[in-house]
Amino acid sequence: MLKVLIADDEQKICQLIEKLVCWEDLGMQVATTAENGVEALEMIQCGCRRLSGYHCSC
């Protein structure tokens, strides 16, 4: 199952995206959300524990 990171500066938009899409039907799971693109990139680069398959190089 693929892990999904949703990023938007509006928390309500992140919540809406998470609820509107049937992630399981797509073979995906929402792992976490980020407040902006920079935070999302840092989570991916530093191996956010909820995003399996990434290794921290920080």
Protein backbone atom coordinates (compact mmCIF):
# COMPACT_ATOMS: atom_id res chain seq x y z
CA MET A 1 0.00 0.00 0.00
CA LEU A 2 1.33 3.42 -0.95
CA LYS A 3 1.65 6.10 1.72
CA VAL A 4 0.31 9.59 0.95
CA LEU A 5 1.45 12.91 2.38
CA ILE A 6 -1.06 15.74 1.89
CA ALA A 7 0.40 19.27 1.93
CA ASP A 8 -1.49 22.56 1.97
CA ASP A 9 -1.22 25.74 4.00
CA GLU A 10 -4.90 25.46 4.95
CA GLN A 11 -5.57 22.64 7.41
CA LYS A 12 -9.24 22.52 6.31
CA ILE A 13 -8.12 21.79 2.73
CA CYS A 14 -5.92 18.92 3.93
CA GLN A 15 -8.87 17.50 5.86
CA LEU A 16 -11.15 17.89 2.84
CA ILE A 17 -8.72 16.11 0.52
CA GLU A 18 -8.31 13.32 3.04
CA LYS A 19 -12.08 12.83 3.36
CA LEU A 20 -13.13 13.28 -0.29
CA VAL A 21 -10.84 10.64 -1.77
CA CYS A 22 -11.39 6.96 -1.10
CA TRP A 23 -7.70 6.24 -0.59
CA GLU A 24 -8.10 2.55 0.21
CA ASP A 25 -9.85 1.92 -3.12
CA LEU A 26 -6.77 3.39 -4.80
CA GLY A 27 -4.41 1.19 -2.79
CA MET A 28 -3.21 4.17 -0.76
CA GLN A 29 -3.22 5.34 2.84
CA VAL A 30 -2.87 8.90 4.14
CA ALA A 31 0.19 8.80 6.37
CA THR A 32 0.33 12.43 7.46
CA THR A 33 -0.27 16.03 6.46
CA ALA A 34 2.06 19.02 6.19
CA GLU A 35 1.32 22.74 6.53
CA ASN A 36 3.33 23.65 3.42
CA GLY A 37 5.62 22.30 0.74
CA VAL A 38 8.78 23.00 2.71
CA GLU A 39 7.51 20.99 5.68
CA ALA A 40 6.44 18.17 3.34
CA LEU A 41 9.89 18.07 1.71
CA GLU A 42 11.59 18.01 5.12
CA MET A 43 9.34 15.13 6.22
CA ILE A 44 10.26 13.15 3.11
CA GLN A 45 13.99 13.96 3.26
CA CYS A 46 14.28 13.22 6.98
CA GLY A 47 12.23 10.04 6.80
CA CYS A 48 9.06 10.88 8.67
CA ARG A 49 8.38 7.70 10.64
CA ARG A 50 4.88 7.46 9.16
CA LEU A 51 6.33 7.43 5.63
CA SER A 52 7.89 4.02 5.39
CA GLY A 53 10.59 3.46 2.82
CA TYR A 54 12.43 6.72 3.45
CA HIS A 55 15.71 6.97 5.32
CA CYS A 56 16.94 10.00 7.21
CA SER A 57 20.02 11.64 5.77
CA CYS A 58 19.80 14.74 8.01
